[in-house]
């Protein structure tokens, strides 16, 4: 049996906003997963480490996990690291995304969250005309900041059946992408 190596275009165009993700390993893993699912772009904000340092040199620690995906998946910085009001820049970015491009889905446990599977079925282009989704996963400790949750069109939650209440952010992104694309 021959494996089909041609990748079908995702039903919905997906971008990811990595805001305040601390671990270079999580960032590298998310890049690699994003490449596998055909993510359009990764936006980096807050203290999330970028694939290149401030001098434009590739970061070996991210590259080690991303295995080249940090080069194949387009990315850009939202706001200037350490310059100006970072929160305002991220909030403005999200508001502009919503106005011009599509739906914002925050991946977080919240009293307003709905099951990720329900969200995925509702944003099918045939059902709602959504052209692009911006996925915002929560950071490793505090999750998605309340100000950003309040800007999301949908707060999606991965149902947890075990005793633990959360997943590693890179694992959660993989599950979300599997459902969304």
C-alpha atoms as a PDB file:
ATOM      1  CA  UNK A   1       0.000   0.000   0.000  1.00  0.00           C
ATOM      2  CA  UNK A   2       1.397   3.383  -0.978  1.00  0.00           C
ATOM      3  CA  UNK A   3       1.115   6.304   1.410  1.00  0.00           C
ATOM      4  CA  UNK A   4      -0.570   9.452   0.096  1.00  0.00           C
ATOM      5  CA  UNK A   5       1.942  12.249   0.580  1.00  0.00           C
ATOM      6  CA  UNK A   6      -0.051  15.073  -0.962  1.00  0.00           C
ATOM      7  CA  UNK A   7      -1.422  17.368   1.702  1.00  0.00           C
ATOM      8  CA  UNK A   8      -4.958  18.626   1.274  1.00  0.00           C
ATOM      9  CA  UNK A   9      -5.552  22.268   2.033  1.00  0.00           C
ATOM     10  CA  UNK A  10      -7.168  22.810   5.435  1.00  0.00           C
ATOM     11  CA  UNK A  11     -10.932  23.456   5.344  1.00  0.00           C
ATOM     12  CA  UNK A  12     -10.392  26.573   7.448  1.00  0.00           C
ATOM     13  CA  UNK A  13      -7.276  28.728   7.361  1.00  0.00           C
ATOM     14  CA  UNK A  14      -5.731  28.712  10.848  1.00  0.00           C
ATOM     15  CA  UNK A  15      -3.150  30.985  12.452  1.00  0.00           C
ATOM     16  CA  UNK A  16      -1.863  30.770  16.014  1.00  0.00           C
ATOM     17  CA  UNK A  17      -1.073  33.532  18.500  1.00  0.00           C
ATOM     18  CA  UNK A  18       1.557  32.400  21.012  1.00  0.00           C
ATOM     19  CA  UNK A  19       1.297  34.930  23.804  1.00  0.00           C
ATOM     20  CA  UNK A  20       3.544  34.585  26.852  1.00  0.00           C
ATOM     21  CA  UNK A  21       4.563  30.980  26.173  1.00  0.00           C
ATOM     22  CA  UNK A  22       7.703  30.515  28.267  1.00  0.00           C
ATOM     23  CA  UNK A  23       9.249  27.277  27.097  1.00  0.00           C
ATOM     24  CA  UNK A  24      11.423  27.223  23.973  1.00  0.00           C
ATOM     25  CA  UNK A  25      10.613  23.521  23.744  1.00  0.00           C
ATOM     26  CA  UNK A  26       6.885  24.218  23.645  1.00  0.00           C
ATOM     27  CA  UNK A  27       7.399  26.902  21.005  1.00  0.00           C
ATOM     28  CA  UNK A  28       9.511  24.553  18.879  1.00  0.00           C
ATOM     29  CA  UNK A  29       6.974  21.770  19.243  1.00  0.00           C
ATOM     30  CA  UNK A  30       4.118  24.083  18.275  1.00  0.00           C
ATOM     31  CA  UNK A  31       6.013  25.158  15.146  1.00  0.00           C
ATOM     32  CA  UNK A  32       6.525  21.521  14.175  1.00  0.00           C
ATOM     33  CA  UNK A  33       2.862  20.677  14.779  1.00  0.00           C
ATOM     34  CA  UNK A  34       1.765  23.825  12.931  1.00  0.00           C
ATOM     35  CA  UNK A  35       3.769  22.728   9.901  1.00  0.00           C
ATOM     36  CA  UNK A  36       2.129  19.294   9.971  1.00  0.00           C
ATOM     37  CA  UNK A  37      -1.364  20.834   9.966  1.00  0.00           C
ATOM     38  CA  UNK A  38      -0.693  23.564   7.386  1.00  0.00           C
ATOM     39  CA  UNK A  39      -1.033  26.517   9.749  1.00  0.00           C
ATOM     40  CA  UNK A  40      -0.866  29.801   7.824  1.00  0.00           C
ATOM     41  CA  UNK A  41       1.166  31.835  10.307  1.00  0.00           C
ATOM     42  CA  UNK A  42       2.306  31.932  13.906  1.00  0.00           C
ATOM     43  CA  UNK A  43       2.180  35.254  15.705  1.00  0.00           C
ATOM     44  CA  UNK A  44       4.487  35.697  18.685  1.00  0.00           C
ATOM     45  CA  UNK A  45       3.873  38.183  21.478  1.00  0.00           C
ATOM     46  CA  UNK A  46       4.782  38.939  25.045  1.00  0.00           C
ATOM     47  CA  UNK A  47       7.758  37.009  26.342  1.00  0.00           C
ATOM     48  CA  UNK A  48       7.318  34.075  23.942  1.00  0.00           C
ATOM     49  CA  UNK A  49      10.753  33.260  22.485  1.00  0.00           C
ATOM     50  CA  UNK A  50      11.000  33.771  18.729  1.00  0.00           C
ATOM     51  CA  UNK A  51      12.839  31.394  16.370  1.00  0.00           C
ATOM     52  CA  UNK A  52      15.499  34.056  15.879  1.00  0.00           C
ATOM     53  CA  UNK A  53      17.218  36.197  18.486  1.00  0.00           C
ATOM     54  CA  UNK A  54      17.317  40.002  18.465  1.00  0.00           C
ATOM     55  CA  UNK A  55      20.288  39.881  16.066  1.00  0.00           C
ATOM     56  CA  UNK A  56      18.421  37.723  13.556  1.00  0.00           C
ATOM     57  CA  UNK A  57      20.335  34.535  14.390  1.00  0.00           C
ATOM     58  CA  UNK A  58      18.472  31.242  14.462  1.00  0.00           C
ATOM     59  CA  UNK A  59      17.890  29.956  17.992  1.00  0.00           C
ATOM     60  CA  UNK A  60      19.335  26.462  18.238  1.00  0.00           C
ATOM     61  CA  UNK A  61      17.089  25.527  21.180  1.00  0.00           C
ATOM     62  CA  UNK A  62      13.898  26.135  19.184  1.00  0.00           C
ATOM     63  CA  UNK A  63      15.345  24.666  15.986  1.00  0.00           C
ATOM     64  CA  UNK A  64      16.270  21.450  17.816  1.00  0.00           C
ATOM     65  CA  UNK A  65      12.597  20.749  18.569  1.00  0.00           C
ATOM     66  CA  UNK A  66      11.011  22.378  15.501  1.00  0.00           C
ATOM     67  CA  UNK A  67      13.252  20.418  13.086  1.00  0.00           C
ATOM     68  CA  UNK A  68      13.038  23.065  10.373  1.00  0.00           C
ATOM     69  CA  UNK A  69       9.411  24.070  10.879  1.00  0.00           C
ATOM     70  CA  UNK A  70      10.588  27.399  12.305  1.00  0.00           C
ATOM     71  CA  UNK A  71      11.682  28.120   8.732  1.00  0.00           C
ATOM     72  CA  UNK A  72       8.715  26.627   6.845  1.00  0.00           C
ATOM     73  CA  UNK A  73       5.910  28.152   8.935  1.00  0.00           C
ATOM     74  CA  UNK A  74       5.723  31.933   8.486  1.00  0.00           C
ATOM     75  CA  UNK A  75       5.842  33.849  11.751  1.00  0.00           C
ATOM     76  CA  UNK A  76       5.925  37.399  12.955  1.00  0.00           C
ATOM     77  CA  UNK A  77       6.245  39.345  16.173  1.00  0.00           C
ATOM     78  CA  UNK A  78       3.172  41.218  17.416  1.00  0.00           C
ATOM     79  CA  UNK A  79       4.245  44.328  19.271  1.00  0.00           C
ATOM     80  CA  UNK A  80       7.833  44.960  20.204  1.00  0.00           C
ATOM     81  CA  UNK A  81       9.361  42.782  22.865  1.00  0.00           C
ATOM     82  CA  UNK A  82      10.011  45.079  25.800  1.00  0.00           C
ATOM     83  CA  UNK A  83       8.855  48.205  23.945  1.00  0.00           C
ATOM     84  CA  UNK A  84       5.697  50.171  24.570  1.00  0.00           C
ATOM     85  CA  UNK A  85       2.545  48.677  26.008  1.00  0.00           C
ATOM     86  CA  UNK A  86       2.671  45.017  24.987  1.00  0.00           C
ATOM     87  CA  UNK A  87      -0.883  44.292  26.182  1.00  0.00           C
ATOM     88  CA  UNK A  88      -2.329  47.094  24.085  1.00  0.00           C
ATOM     89  CA  UNK A  89      -0.444  45.904  20.981  1.00  0.00           C
ATOM     90  CA  UNK A  90      -1.746  42.335  21.373  1.00  0.00           C
ATOM     91  CA  UNK A  91      -5.299  43.480  22.058  1.00  0.00           C
ATOM     92  CA  UNK A  92      -5.206  45.780  19.017  1.00  0.00           C
ATOM     93  CA  UNK A  93      -3.878  42.920  16.883  1.00  0.00           C
ATOM     94  CA  UNK A  94      -6.736  40.637  17.986  1.00  0.00           C
ATOM     95  CA  UNK A  95      -9.375  43.327  17.381  1.00  0.00           C
ATOM     96  CA  UNK A  96      -7.984  43.998  13.899  1.00  0.00           C
ATOM     97  CA  UNK A  97      -7.888  40.269  13.120  1.00  0.00           C
ATOM     98  CA  UNK A  98     -11.550  39.947  14.071  1.00  0.00           C
ATOM     99  CA  UNK A  99     -12.564  42.936  11.937  1.00  0.00           C
ATOM    100  CA  UNK A 100     -10.656  41.971   8.833  1.00  0.00           C
ATOM    101  CA  UNK A 101     -10.077  38.243   8.783  1.00  0.00           C
ATOM    102  CA  UNK A 102     -12.112  35.939  10.938  1.00  0.00           C
ATOM    103  CA  UNK A 103     -12.859  34.246  14.217  1.00  0.00           C
ATOM    104  CA  UNK A 104     -10.753  34.182  17.388  1.00  0.00           C
ATOM    105  CA  UNK A 105     -10.779  30.928  19.354  1.00  0.00           C
ATOM    106  CA  UNK A 106      -9.131  30.921  22.767  1.00  0.00           C
ATOM    107  CA  UNK A 107      -8.162  27.493  24.064  1.00  0.00           C
ATOM    108  CA  UNK A 108      -8.865  27.643  27.780  1.00  0.00           C
ATOM    109  CA  UNK A 109     -10.980  26.261  30.596  1.00  0.00           C
ATOM    110  CA  UNK A 110     -13.492  28.907  31.576  1.00  0.00           C
ATOM    111  CA  UNK A 111     -17.081  29.182  32.773  1.00  0.00           C
ATOM    112  CA  UNK A 112     -17.964  30.365  29.238  1.00  0.00           C
ATOM    113  CA  UNK A 113     -16.015  27.650  27.406  1.00  0.00           C
ATOM    114  CA  UNK A 114     -17.600  25.104  25.106  1.00  0.00           C
ATOM    115  CA  UNK A 115     -16.242  21.744  24.027  1.00  0.00           C
ATOM    116  CA  UNK A 116     -13.590  21.991  21.311  1.00  0.00           C
ATOM    117  CA  UNK A 117     -15.479  19.437  19.198  1.00  0.00           C
ATOM    118  CA  UNK A 118     -18.575  21.638  19.190  1.00  0.00           C
ATOM    119  CA  UNK A 119     -16.510  24.652  18.102  1.00  0.00           C
ATOM    120  CA  UNK A 120     -14.879  22.735  15.267  1.00  0.00           C
ATOM    121  CA  UNK A 121     -18.231  21.686  13.825  1.00  0.00           C
ATOM    122  CA  UNK A 122     -19.627  25.224  14.089  1.00  0.00           C
ATOM    123  CA  UNK A 123     -16.786  26.960  12.259  1.00  0.00           C
ATOM    124  CA  UNK A 124     -16.887  24.795   9.178  1.00  0.00           C
ATOM    125  CA  UNK A 125     -16.778  27.168   6.193  1.00  0.00           C
ATOM    126  CA  UNK A 126     -19.937  25.554   4.819  1.00  0.00           C
ATOM    127  CA  UNK A 127     -21.835  26.342   8.008  1.00  0.00           C
ATOM    128  CA  UNK A 128     -20.729  29.815   8.924  1.00  0.00           C
ATOM    129  CA  UNK A 129     -18.573  31.415   6.236  1.00  0.00           C
ATOM    130  CA  UNK A 130     -15.528  31.688   8.528  1.00  0.00           C
ATOM    131  CA  UNK A 131     -12.476  32.449   6.421  1.00  0.00           C
ATOM    132  CA  UNK A 132      -9.758  32.259   9.059  1.00  0.00           C
ATOM    133  CA  UNK A 133      -9.366  31.225  12.676  1.00  0.00           C
ATOM    134  CA  UNK A 134      -6.859  32.675  15.120  1.00  0.00           C
ATOM    135  CA  UNK A 135      -6.143  30.089  17.809  1.00  0.00           C
ATOM    136  CA  UNK A 136      -4.859  31.429  21.127  1.00  0.00           C
ATOM    137  CA  UNK A 137      -3.606  28.709  23.474  1.00  0.00           C
ATOM    138  CA  UNK A 138      -3.091  29.433  27.150  1.00  0.00           C
ATOM    139  CA  UNK A 139       0.362  29.823  28.624  1.00  0.00           C
ATOM    140  CA  UNK A 140       1.913  27.096  30.732  1.00  0.00           C
ATOM    141  CA  UNK A 141       0.936  28.473  34.156  1.00  0.00           C
ATOM    142  CA  UNK A 142      -1.814  31.087  33.988  1.00  0.00           C
ATOM    143  CA  UNK A 143      -3.615  30.164  30.779  1.00  0.00           C
ATOM    144  CA  UNK A 144      -5.031  32.831  28.471  1.00  0.00           C
ATOM    145  CA  UNK A 145      -5.144  36.268  30.127  1.00  0.00           C
ATOM    146  CA  UNK A 146      -8.648  37.514  30.961  1.00  0.00           C
ATOM    147  CA  UNK A 147      -8.259  40.568  28.676  1.00  0.00           C
ATOM    148  CA  UNK A 148      -7.543  38.254  25.729  1.00  0.00           C
ATOM    149  CA  UNK A 149     -10.309  35.806  26.665  1.00  0.00           C
ATOM    150  CA  UNK A 150     -12.750  38.699  26.638  1.00  0.00           C
ATOM    151  CA  UNK A 151     -11.767  39.442  23.036  1.00  0.00           C
ATOM    152  CA  UNK A 152     -12.261  35.866  21.823  1.00  0.00           C
ATOM    153  CA  UNK A 153     -15.322  34.981  19.767  1.00  0.00           C
ATOM    154  CA  UNK A 154     -15.274  31.504  21.280  1.00  0.00           C
ATOM    155  CA  UNK A 155     -13.552  29.973  24.285  1.00  0.00           C
ATOM    156  CA  UNK A 156     -12.942  26.299  23.562  1.00  0.00           C
ATOM    157  CA  UNK A 157     -12.018  23.635  26.057  1.00  0.00           C
ATOM    158  CA  UNK A 158     -10.575  20.170  25.546  1.00  0.00           C
ATOM    159  CA  UNK A 159     -12.670  17.756  27.614  1.00  0.00           C
ATOM    160  CA  UNK A 160     -10.555  16.185  30.364  1.00  0.00           C
ATOM    161  CA  UNK A 161     -11.530  12.745  31.614  1.00  0.00           C
ATOM    162  CA  UNK A 162      -8.640  11.979  33.948  1.00  0.00           C
ATOM    163  CA  UNK A 163      -7.581  13.495  37.230  1.00  0.00           C
ATOM    164  CA  UNK A 164      -5.354  16.201  35.722  1.00  0.00           C
ATOM    165  CA  UNK A 165      -7.035  19.461  34.765  1.00  0.00           C
ATOM    166  CA  UNK A 166      -4.795  20.505  31.892  1.00  0.00           C
ATOM    167  CA  UNK A 167      -2.443  19.436  29.126  1.00  0.00           C
ATOM    168  CA  UNK A 168       0.937  20.694  28.007  1.00  0.00           C
ATOM    169  CA  UNK A 169       0.353  23.696  25.738  1.00  0.00           C
ATOM    170  CA  UNK A 170       2.015  22.058  22.725  1.00  0.00           C
ATOM    171  CA  UNK A 171      -0.123  18.928  23.144  1.00  0.00           C
ATOM    172  CA  UNK A 172      -3.271  21.065  23.502  1.00  0.00           C
ATOM    173  CA  UNK A 173      -2.411  22.948  20.296  1.00  0.00           C
ATOM    174  CA  UNK A 174      -2.006  19.651  18.450  1.00  0.00           C
ATOM    175  CA  UNK A 175      -5.404  18.436  19.615  1.00  0.00           C
ATOM    176  CA  UNK A 176      -7.035  21.755  18.702  1.00  0.00           C
ATOM    177  CA  UNK A 177      -5.487  21.770  15.232  1.00  0.00           C
ATOM    178  CA  UNK A 178      -6.630  18.195  14.636  1.00  0.00           C
ATOM    179  CA  UNK A 179     -10.192  19.295  15.401  1.00  0.00           C
ATOM    180  CA  UNK A 180     -10.077  22.602  13.511  1.00  0.00           C
ATOM    181  CA  UNK A 181      -8.427  21.700  10.199  1.00  0.00           C
END
